[in-house]
Amino acid sequence: MLIDTHCHLDAAEFDVDRDAEASFAAQAGVRMIVVPSVTPENFQNVIQLSAQHSHICFALGLHPMFIDNASPGDIKRLHALITQQLATANKLVAVGEIGLDFFVTQQNRETQEYFFAEQLKLAKEFNLPVILHVRRAVDDVLKYLRKYKINGGIAHAFNGSPQQAQEFIKLGFKLGFGGAMTYSRALKIRELAKNLPIESIVLETDAPDIPPEWLGTKGRNSPKELLKIAQVLADLRRMSVSQIIEITGKNSVQILPKLADLCTPVEVLH
């Protein structure tokens, strides 16, 4: 199954054509799109979006780049909302997007680490995987994962070293690859995508961000691009795109078990 494990389809960039883009993705063979929240203000947005489309599910979490506006009360709110969603016929698949980002700033490092730890505690309490944002903070994120020993998840837009990749894999994580992998000059990421165990890789777009090479660096990414992204991975690994779709789909369901209940078999467009 072709699964976009990370897509912000609720973002303002899609306000003019969100439903159309969701339909285009389905027509391109995308069986499920995982939409993670980033702030308390869009918790309900991702829930409602998933209710409107059978091939969209969601994650709930506080993104480290927006954490300065968060309060401890938001952790309580997140706890209550996860409790509510798990008690219903829901489409909640993970806690996310959470993590650390020391690329933009380290001035709020203590705040970022507090909210990251608190959300890892939630993931452990509810036995949910996590969707991680990791930028210039790989070793710090790994330190917290070793401490809280949660039920795995996805290191989104992975850009660490092969050694760091192996540490994530040892902890039961999959690694997300998307648009960045499509650039011929992205030698480090392409080597990772080519050489890491295929069982550790999942596909993503991060739309509207990280557009693939064919859209240009200022283009708006969208989930319908996932099939072409899968083809790039297939070319790098000298495999067929159908093999890549099958394997990465299984990897996605393995790490986000709720997907097994949400995805239905369908012919994938090649």
C-alpha atoms as a PDB file:
ATOM      1  CA  MET A   1       0.000   0.000   0.000  1.00  0.00           C
ATOM      2  CA  LEU A   2       1.149   3.499  -0.798  1.00  0.00           C
ATOM      3  CA  ILE A   3       0.993   5.441   2.479  1.00  0.00           C
ATOM      4  CA  ASP A   4       1.978   9.054   3.115  1.00  0.00           C
ATOM      5  CA  THR A   5       3.141   8.843   6.725  1.00  0.00           C
ATOM      6  CA  HIS A   6       3.542  12.608   7.139  1.00  0.00           C
ATOM      7  CA  CYS A   7       1.471  15.295   5.435  1.00  0.00           C
ATOM      8  CA  HIS A   8       0.105  18.617   6.735  1.00  0.00           C
ATOM      9  CA  LEU A   9      -2.959  18.695   4.513  1.00  0.00           C
ATOM     10  CA  ASP A  10      -4.669  20.911   7.085  1.00  0.00           C
ATOM     11  CA  ALA A  11      -2.152  23.724   6.420  1.00  0.00           C
ATOM     12  CA  ALA A  12      -3.355  27.080   5.129  1.00  0.00           C
ATOM     13  CA  GLU A  13      -1.581  26.458   1.817  1.00  0.00           C
ATOM     14  CA  PHE A  14      -4.336  23.955   1.009  1.00  0.00           C
ATOM     15  CA  ASP A  15      -7.297  26.143   1.956  1.00  0.00           C
ATOM     16  CA  VAL A  16      -8.195  26.774  -1.689  1.00  0.00           C
ATOM     17  CA  ASP A  17      -8.115  23.151  -2.895  1.00  0.00           C
ATOM     18  CA  ARG A  18      -7.789  20.765   0.064  1.00  0.00           C
ATOM     19  CA  ASP A  19     -10.532  18.366  -0.997  1.00  0.00           C
ATOM     20  CA  ALA A  20      -9.255  18.286  -4.563  1.00  0.00           C
ATOM     21  CA  GLU A  21      -5.729  17.486  -3.411  1.00  0.00           C
ATOM     22  CA  ALA A  22      -7.041  14.691  -1.204  1.00  0.00           C
ATOM     23  CA  SER A  23      -8.890  13.249  -4.207  1.00  0.00           C
ATOM     24  CA  PHE A  24      -5.863  13.595  -6.486  1.00  0.00           C
ATOM     25  CA  ALA A  25      -3.783  11.651  -3.959  1.00  0.00           C
ATOM     26  CA  ALA A  26      -6.336   8.834  -3.864  1.00  0.00           C
ATOM     27  CA  GLN A  27      -6.402   8.739  -7.669  1.00  0.00           C
ATOM     28  CA  ALA A  28      -2.594   8.413  -7.616  1.00  0.00           C
ATOM     29  CA  GLY A  29      -2.906   5.319  -5.445  1.00  0.00           C
ATOM     30  CA  VAL A  30      -2.294   6.815  -2.005  1.00  0.00           C
ATOM     31  CA  ARG A  31      -4.252   4.579   0.365  1.00  0.00           C
ATOM     32  CA  MET A  32      -3.769   6.583   3.536  1.00  0.00           C
ATOM     33  CA  ILE A  33      -2.469  10.023   4.518  1.00  0.00           C
ATOM     34  CA  VAL A  34      -1.311  10.638   8.082  1.00  0.00           C
ATOM     35  CA  VAL A  35      -1.876  14.254   9.144  1.00  0.00           C
ATOM     36  CA  PRO A  36      -0.087  15.213  12.380  1.00  0.00           C
ATOM     37  CA  SER A  37      -1.103  18.251  14.402  1.00  0.00           C
ATOM     38  CA  VAL A  38       1.415  20.915  15.404  1.00  0.00           C
ATOM     39  CA  THR A  39      -0.426  23.143  17.912  1.00  0.00           C
ATOM     40  CA  PRO A  40      -3.522  22.873  20.128  1.00  0.00           C
ATOM     41  CA  GLU A  41      -5.264  25.202  17.685  1.00  0.00           C
ATOM     42  CA  ASN A  42      -5.247  22.567  14.948  1.00  0.00           C
ATOM     43  CA  PHE A  43      -6.142  19.497  17.036  1.00  0.00           C
ATOM     44  CA  GLN A  44      -9.747  19.705  15.903  1.00  0.00           C
ATOM     45  CA  ASN A  45      -8.745  20.567  12.338  1.00  0.00           C
ATOM     46  CA  VAL A  46      -6.891  17.290  11.808  1.00  0.00           C
ATOM     47  CA  ILE A  47      -9.669  15.322  13.516  1.00  0.00           C
ATOM     48  CA  GLN A  48     -12.317  16.901  11.303  1.00  0.00           C
ATOM     49  CA  LEU A  49     -10.220  16.427   8.174  1.00  0.00           C
ATOM     50  CA  SER A  50      -9.900  12.723   8.894  1.00  0.00           C
ATOM     51  CA  ALA A  51     -13.654  12.491   9.401  1.00  0.00           C
ATOM     52  CA  GLN A  52     -14.260  14.012   5.972  1.00  0.00           C
ATOM     53  CA  HIS A  53     -12.012  11.636   4.018  1.00  0.00           C
ATOM     54  CA  SER A  54     -11.817   7.863   4.352  1.00  0.00           C
ATOM     55  CA  HIS A  55      -8.124   7.823   3.387  1.00  0.00           C
ATOM     56  CA  ILE A  56      -6.978  10.388   5.961  1.00  0.00           C
ATOM     57  CA  CYS A  57      -6.028   9.691   9.584  1.00  0.00           C
ATOM     58  CA  PHE A  58      -4.283  11.835  12.164  1.00  0.00           C
ATOM     59  CA  ALA A  59      -1.814  12.200  15.014  1.00  0.00           C
ATOM     60  CA  LEU A  60      -2.041  14.601  17.942  1.00  0.00           C
ATOM     61  CA  GLY A  61       0.921  16.470  19.370  1.00  0.00           C
ATOM     62  CA  LEU A  62       2.767  19.735  19.970  1.00  0.00           C
ATOM     63  CA  HIS A  63       5.485  20.590  17.439  1.00  0.00           C
ATOM     64  CA  PRO A  64       8.774  21.860  18.916  1.00  0.00           C
ATOM     65  CA  MET A  65       8.936  24.860  16.571  1.00  0.00           C
ATOM     66  CA  PHE A  66       5.695  26.232  18.038  1.00  0.00           C
ATOM     67  CA  ILE A  67       6.282  25.261  21.643  1.00  0.00           C
ATOM     68  CA  ASP A  68       6.906  28.789  22.976  1.00  0.00           C
ATOM     69  CA  ASN A  69       3.158  29.422  22.903  1.00  0.00           C
ATOM     70  CA  ALA A  70       2.325  26.177  24.728  1.00  0.00           C
ATOM     71  CA  SER A  71       1.544  25.733  28.427  1.00  0.00           C
ATOM     72  CA  PRO A  72       1.450  22.738  30.774  1.00  0.00           C
ATOM     73  CA  GLY A  73      -2.327  22.941  30.452  1.00  0.00           C
ATOM     74  CA  ASP A  74      -1.975  21.919  26.819  1.00  0.00           C
ATOM     75  CA  ILE A  75      -0.519  18.585  27.955  1.00  0.00           C
ATOM     76  CA  LYS A  76      -3.635  18.023  30.074  1.00  0.00           C
ATOM     77  CA  ARG A  77      -5.791  18.971  27.101  1.00  0.00           C
ATOM     78  CA  LEU A  78      -3.857  16.569  24.884  1.00  0.00           C
ATOM     79  CA  HIS A  79      -4.254  13.802  27.442  1.00  0.00           C
ATOM     80  CA  ALA A  80      -8.009  14.340  27.603  1.00  0.00           C
ATOM     81  CA  LEU A  81      -8.371  14.451  23.825  1.00  0.00           C
ATOM     82  CA  ILE A  82      -6.356  11.260  23.292  1.00  0.00           C
ATOM     83  CA  THR A  83      -8.459   9.557  25.964  1.00  0.00           C
ATOM     84  CA  GLN A  84     -11.624  10.686  24.196  1.00  0.00           C
ATOM     85  CA  GLN A  85     -10.450   9.627  20.743  1.00  0.00           C
ATOM     86  CA  LEU A  86      -9.304   6.190  21.866  1.00  0.00           C
ATOM     87  CA  ALA A  87     -12.686   5.594  23.465  1.00  0.00           C
ATOM     88  CA  THR A  88     -14.480   6.083  20.144  1.00  0.00           C
ATOM     89  CA  ALA A  89     -14.259   4.652  16.634  1.00  0.00           C
ATOM     90  CA  ASN A  90     -11.349   6.939  15.903  1.00  0.00           C
ATOM     91  CA  LYS A  91      -8.553   7.456  13.372  1.00  0.00           C
ATOM     92  CA  LEU A  92      -5.829   8.466  15.819  1.00  0.00           C
ATOM     93  CA  VAL A  93      -2.648   6.583  14.884  1.00  0.00           C
ATOM     94  CA  ALA A  94       0.129   8.271  16.894  1.00  0.00           C
ATOM     95  CA  VAL A  95       1.293  11.063  19.163  1.00  0.00           C
ATOM     96  CA  GLY A  96       2.831  13.666  16.905  1.00  0.00           C
ATOM     97  CA  GLU A  97       4.330  15.772  15.578  1.00  0.00           C
ATOM     98  CA  ILE A  98       6.655  15.995  18.572  1.00  0.00           C
ATOM     99  CA  GLY A  99      10.402  16.236  19.063  1.00  0.00           C
ATOM    100  CA  LEU A 100      13.265  18.714  19.234  1.00  0.00           C
ATOM    101  CA  ASP A 101      14.501  21.379  16.818  1.00  0.00           C
ATOM    102  CA  PHE A 102      17.825  23.037  17.608  1.00  0.00           C
ATOM    103  CA  PHE A 103      18.311  24.296  14.057  1.00  0.00           C
ATOM    104  CA  VAL A 104      16.119  27.368  14.432  1.00  0.00           C
ATOM    105  CA  THR A 105      17.103  28.135  18.008  1.00  0.00           C
ATOM    106  CA  GLN A 106      18.465  26.604  21.188  1.00  0.00           C
ATOM    107  CA  GLN A 107      17.344  29.504  23.368  1.00  0.00           C
ATOM    108  CA  ASN A 108      14.192  27.596  24.365  1.00  0.00           C
ATOM    109  CA  ARG A 109      15.943  24.247  24.703  1.00  0.00           C
ATOM    110  CA  GLU A 110      14.640  23.626  28.213  1.00  0.00           C
ATOM    111  CA  THR A 111      11.064  24.330  27.125  1.00  0.00           C
ATOM    112  CA  GLN A 112      11.352  22.059  24.103  1.00  0.00           C
ATOM    113  CA  GLU A 113      12.755  19.231  26.194  1.00  0.00           C
ATOM    114  CA  TYR A 114      10.015  19.609  28.813  1.00  0.00           C
ATOM    115  CA  PHE A 115       7.196  19.269  26.284  1.00  0.00           C
ATOM    116  CA  PHE A 116       8.965  16.486  24.423  1.00  0.00           C
ATOM    117  CA  ALA A 117       9.362  14.464  27.608  1.00  0.00           C
ATOM    118  CA  GLU A 118       5.763  15.067  28.669  1.00  0.00           C
ATOM    119  CA  GLN A 119       4.461  13.894  25.304  1.00  0.00           C
ATOM    120  CA  LEU A 120       6.657  10.801  25.376  1.00  0.00           C
ATOM    121  CA  LYS A 121       5.046  10.023  28.726  1.00  0.00           C
ATOM    122  CA  LEU A 122       1.632  10.285  27.054  1.00  0.00           C
ATOM    123  CA  ALA A 123       2.716   7.970  24.257  1.00  0.00           C
ATOM    124  CA  LYS A 124       3.937   5.452  26.800  1.00  0.00           C
ATOM    125  CA  GLU A 125       0.764   5.711  28.888  1.00  0.00           C
ATOM    126  CA  PHE A 126      -1.504   5.135  25.891  1.00  0.00           C
ATOM    127  CA  ASN A 127       0.836   2.649  24.184  1.00  0.00           C
ATOM    128  CA  LEU A 128       0.940   4.788  21.043  1.00  0.00           C
ATOM    129  CA  PRO A 129       3.802   5.250  18.574  1.00  0.00           C
ATOM    130  CA  VAL A 130       5.178   8.735  17.981  1.00  0.00           C
ATOM    131  CA  ILE A 131       5.897  10.831  14.906  1.00  0.00           C
ATOM    132  CA  LEU A 132       9.146  12.671  15.527  1.00  0.00           C
ATOM    133  CA  HIS A 133      10.494  15.997  14.330  1.00  0.00           C
ATOM    134  CA  VAL A 134      14.282  15.819  14.668  1.00  0.00           C
ATOM    135  CA  ARG A 135      16.502  18.655  13.445  1.00  0.00           C
ATOM    136  CA  ARG A 136      20.028  19.244  14.716  1.00  0.00           C
ATOM    137  CA  ALA A 137      18.990  17.225  17.774  1.00  0.00           C
ATOM    138  CA  VAL A 138      19.312  13.557  16.846  1.00  0.00           C
ATOM    139  CA  ASP A 139      21.423  12.476  19.804  1.00  0.00           C
ATOM    140  CA  ASP A 140      19.250  14.427  22.246  1.00  0.00           C
ATOM    141  CA  VAL A 141      16.088  12.812  20.861  1.00  0.00           C
ATOM    142  CA  LEU A 142      17.675   9.379  21.122  1.00  0.00           C
ATOM    143  CA  LYS A 143      18.560  10.083  24.754  1.00  0.00           C
ATOM    144  CA  TYR A 144      14.908  10.713  25.602  1.00  0.00           C
ATOM    145  CA  LEU A 145      13.718   7.700  23.624  1.00  0.00           C
ATOM    146  CA  ARG A 146      16.072   5.458  25.579  1.00  0.00           C
ATOM    147  CA  LYS A 147      14.798   6.948  28.813  1.00  0.00           C
ATOM    148  CA  TYR A 148      11.073   6.537  28.164  1.00  0.00           C
ATOM    149  CA  LYS A 149      11.139   3.338  26.059  1.00  0.00           C
ATOM    150  CA  ILE A 150       7.983   4.017  24.095  1.00  0.00           C
ATOM    151  CA  ASN A 151       6.305   1.850  21.491  1.00  0.00           C
ATOM    152  CA  GLY A 152       8.379   2.993  18.502  1.00  0.00           C
ATOM    153  CA  GLY A 153       7.374   5.405  15.801  1.00  0.00           C
ATOM    154  CA  ILE A 154       8.747   7.330  12.824  1.00  0.00           C
ATOM    155  CA  ALA A 155      11.736   9.670  12.683  1.00  0.00           C
ATOM    156  CA  HIS A 156      10.266  12.053  10.113  1.00  0.00           C
ATOM    157  CA  ALA A 157      12.492  13.532   7.371  1.00  0.00           C
ATOM    158  CA  PHE A 158      15.489  11.596   8.623  1.00  0.00           C
ATOM    159  CA  ASN A 159      18.809  13.305   7.955  1.00  0.00           C
ATOM    160  CA  GLY A 160      21.191  11.808  10.487  1.00  0.00           C
ATOM    161  CA  SER A 161      24.227   9.583  10.118  1.00  0.00           C
ATOM    162  CA  PRO A 162      24.105   5.860   9.324  1.00  0.00           C
ATOM    163  CA  GLN A 163      25.120   5.213  12.924  1.00  0.00           C
ATOM    164  CA  GLN A 164      22.272   7.357  14.256  1.00  0.00           C
ATOM    165  CA  ALA A 165      19.890   5.591  11.889  1.00  0.00           C
ATOM    166  CA  GLN A 166      20.901   2.261  13.386  1.00  0.00           C
ATOM    167  CA  GLU A 167      20.222   3.602  16.884  1.00  0.00           C
ATOM    168  CA  PHE A 168      16.671   4.560  15.868  1.00  0.00           C
ATOM    169  CA  ILE A 169      16.185   1.145  14.290  1.00  0.00           C
ATOM    170  CA  LYS A 170      17.402  -0.580  17.479  1.00  0.00           C
ATOM    171  CA  LEU A 171      14.729   1.342  19.385  1.00  0.00           C
ATOM    172  CA  GLY A 172      12.020   0.068  17.044  1.00  0.00           C
ATOM    173  CA  PHE A 173      11.693   3.145  14.812  1.00  0.00           C
ATOM    174  CA  LYS A 174      11.183   3.571  11.106  1.00  0.00           C
ATOM    175  CA  LEU A 175      12.809   6.396   9.150  1.00  0.00           C
ATOM    176  CA  GLY A 176      10.818   8.732   6.911  1.00  0.00           C
ATOM    177  CA  PHE A 177      12.065   9.667   3.438  1.00  0.00           C
ATOM    178  CA  GLY A 178      10.399  12.056   1.028  1.00  0.00           C
ATOM    179  CA  GLY A 179      11.078  15.052  -1.190  1.00  0.00           C
ATOM    180  CA  ALA A 180      14.628  15.718   0.005  1.00  0.00           C
ATOM    181  CA  MET A 181      15.657  12.317  -1.329  1.00  0.00           C
ATOM    182  CA  THR A 182      14.692  13.328  -4.885  1.00  0.00           C
ATOM    183  CA  TYR A 183      17.440  15.950  -5.285  1.00  0.00           C
ATOM    184  CA  SER A 184      20.500  14.646  -7.095  1.00  0.00           C
ATOM    185  CA  ARG A 185      22.733  16.868  -4.958  1.00  0.00           C
ATOM    186  CA  ALA A 186      21.345  15.402  -1.712  1.00  0.00           C
ATOM    187  CA  LEU A 187      24.098  12.781  -1.663  1.00  0.00           C
ATOM    188  CA  LYS A 188      23.931  12.011   2.067  1.00  0.00           C
ATOM    189  CA  ILE A 189      20.175  11.435   2.151  1.00  0.00           C
ATOM    190  CA  ARG A 190      20.244   9.428  -1.075  1.00  0.00           C
ATOM    191  CA  GLU A 191      22.971   7.174   0.298  1.00  0.00           C
ATOM    192  CA  LEU A 192      20.876   6.570   3.405  1.00  0.00           C
ATOM    193  CA  ALA A 193      17.802   5.777   1.326  1.00  0.00           C
ATOM    194  CA  LYS A 194      19.839   3.463  -0.869  1.00  0.00           C
ATOM    195  CA  ASN A 195      21.690   1.546   1.834  1.00  0.00           C
ATOM    196  CA  LEU A 196      19.603   1.424   5.012  1.00  0.00           C
ATOM    197  CA  PRO A 197      17.596  -1.758   5.585  1.00  0.00           C
ATOM    198  CA  ILE A 198      14.507  -1.480   3.403  1.00  0.00           C
ATOM    199  CA  GLU A 199      12.460  -2.762   6.350  1.00  0.00           C
ATOM    200  CA  SER A 200      13.306   0.474   8.203  1.00  0.00           C
ATOM    201  CA  ILE A 201      12.022   2.932   5.580  1.00  0.00           C
ATOM    202  CA  VAL A 202       8.627   4.595   5.203  1.00  0.00           C
ATOM    203  CA  LEU A 203       7.528   7.197   2.662  1.00  0.00           C
ATOM    204  CA  GLU A 204       6.237  10.702   3.309  1.00  0.00           C
ATOM    205  CA  THR A 205       5.708  14.046   1.604  1.00  0.00           C
ATOM    206  CA  ASP A 206       5.596  16.554   4.503  1.00  0.00           C
ATOM    207  CA  ALA A 207       3.341  18.528   2.164  1.00  0.00           C
ATOM    208  CA  PRO A 208       3.133  21.443   1.646  1.00  0.00           C
ATOM    209  CA  ASP A 209       6.821  21.492   2.656  1.00  0.00           C
ATOM    210  CA  ILE A 210       9.958  19.724   1.317  1.00  0.00           C
ATOM    211  CA  PRO A 211       8.832  19.755  -2.332  1.00  0.00           C
ATOM    212  CA  PRO A 212      10.504  17.176  -4.580  1.00  0.00           C
ATOM    213  CA  GLU A 213      13.023  18.271  -7.202  1.00  0.00           C
ATOM    214  CA  TRP A 214      10.504  18.368 -10.056  1.00  0.00           C
ATOM    215  CA  LEU A 215       8.436  21.025  -8.240  1.00  0.00           C
ATOM    216  CA  GLY A 216      11.383  23.278  -7.435  1.00  0.00           C
ATOM    217  CA  THR A 217      12.431  24.412  -3.982  1.00  0.00           C
ATOM    218  CA  LYS A 218       9.618  26.999  -3.802  1.00  0.00           C
ATOM    219  CA  GLY A 219       6.873  24.745  -5.127  1.00  0.00           C
ATOM    220  CA  ARG A 220       3.970  23.533  -3.008  1.00  0.00           C
ATOM    221  CA  ASN A 221       4.302  19.870  -2.230  1.00  0.00           C
ATOM    222  CA  SER A 222       1.206  17.660  -2.094  1.00  0.00           C
ATOM    223  CA  PRO A 223       0.389  14.025  -1.225  1.00  0.00           C
ATOM    224  CA  LYS A 224      -0.248  13.144  -4.886  1.00  0.00           C
ATOM    225  CA  GLU A 225       3.525  13.390  -5.412  1.00  0.00           C
ATOM    226  CA  LEU A 226       4.094  10.294  -3.268  1.00  0.00           C
ATOM    227  CA  LEU A 227       3.986   7.846  -6.167  1.00  0.00           C
ATOM    228  CA  LYS A 228       6.812   9.676  -7.965  1.00  0.00           C
ATOM    229  CA  ILE A 229       8.752   9.851  -4.692  1.00  0.00           C
ATOM    230  CA  ALA A 230       8.333   6.085  -4.388  1.00  0.00           C
ATOM    231  CA  GLN A 231       9.728   5.743  -7.910  1.00  0.00           C
ATOM    232  CA  VAL A 232      12.848   7.689  -6.887  1.00  0.00           C
ATOM    233  CA  LEU A 233      13.421   5.306  -3.986  1.00  0.00           C
ATOM    234  CA  ALA A 234      12.867   2.366  -6.328  1.00  0.00           C
ATOM    235  CA  ASP A 235      15.475   3.732  -8.740  1.00  0.00           C
ATOM    236  CA  LEU A 236      17.996   4.321  -5.953  1.00  0.00           C
ATOM    237  CA  ARG A 237      17.599   0.769  -4.687  1.00  0.00           C
ATOM    238  CA  ARG A 238      17.237  -0.818  -8.136  1.00  0.00           C
ATOM    239  CA  MET A 239      13.865  -2.248  -7.257  1.00  0.00           C
ATOM    240  CA  SER A 240      10.469  -2.005  -8.907  1.00  0.00           C
ATOM    241  CA  VAL A 241       8.127   0.677  -7.663  1.00  0.00           C
ATOM    242  CA  SER A 242       5.557  -2.014  -6.864  1.00  0.00           C
ATOM    243  CA  GLN A 243       8.075  -3.648  -4.515  1.00  0.00           C
ATOM    244  CA  ILE A 244       8.791  -0.309  -2.836  1.00  0.00           C
ATOM    245  CA  ILE A 245       5.084   0.379  -2.391  1.00  0.00           C
ATOM    246  CA  GLU A 246       4.465  -3.058  -0.919  1.00  0.00           C
ATOM    247  CA  ILE A 247       7.419  -3.006   1.477  1.00  0.00           C
ATOM    248  CA  THR A 248       7.086   0.572   2.692  1.00  0.00           C
ATOM    249  CA  GLY A 249       3.350   0.045   3.104  1.00  0.00           C
ATOM    250  CA  LYS A 250       3.964  -2.977   5.316  1.00  0.00           C
ATOM    251  CA  ASN A 251       6.554  -0.985   7.255  1.00  0.00           C
ATOM    252  CA  SER A 252       4.028   1.806   7.816  1.00  0.00           C
ATOM    253  CA  VAL A 253       1.366  -0.574   9.102  1.00  0.00           C
ATOM    254  CA  GLN A 254       3.889  -2.306  11.323  1.00  0.00           C
ATOM    255  CA  ILE A 255       4.953   0.921  13.021  1.00  0.00           C
ATOM    256  CA  LEU A 256       1.466   2.535  13.012  1.00  0.00           C
ATOM    257  CA  PRO A 257      -0.689  -0.540  13.772  1.00  0.00           C
ATOM    258  CA  LYS A 258      -3.955   1.403  13.629  1.00  0.00           C
ATOM    259  CA  LEU A 259      -3.457   1.674   9.870  1.00  0.00           C
ATOM    260  CA  ALA A 260      -4.284  -2.017   9.567  1.00  0.00           C
ATOM    261  CA  ASP A 261      -7.865  -1.203  10.573  1.00  0.00           C
ATOM    262  CA  LEU A 262      -8.099   1.875   8.357  1.00  0.00           C
ATOM    263  CA  CYS A 263      -6.555   0.783   5.050  1.00  0.00           C
ATOM    264  CA  THR A 264      -8.430  -1.464   2.678  1.00  0.00           C
ATOM    265  CA  PRO A 265      -6.706  -3.318  -0.163  1.00  0.00           C
ATOM    266  CA  VAL A 266      -7.043  -1.582  -3.499  1.00  0.00           C
ATOM    267  CA  GLU A 267      -5.304  -1.700  -6.826  1.00  0.00           C
ATOM    268  CA  VAL A 268      -2.397   0.748  -6.798  1.00  0.00           C
ATOM    269  CA  LEU A 269      -1.697   2.831  -9.870  1.00  0.00           C
ATOM    270  CA  HIS A 270       1.789   2.241 -11.304  1.00  0.00           C
END
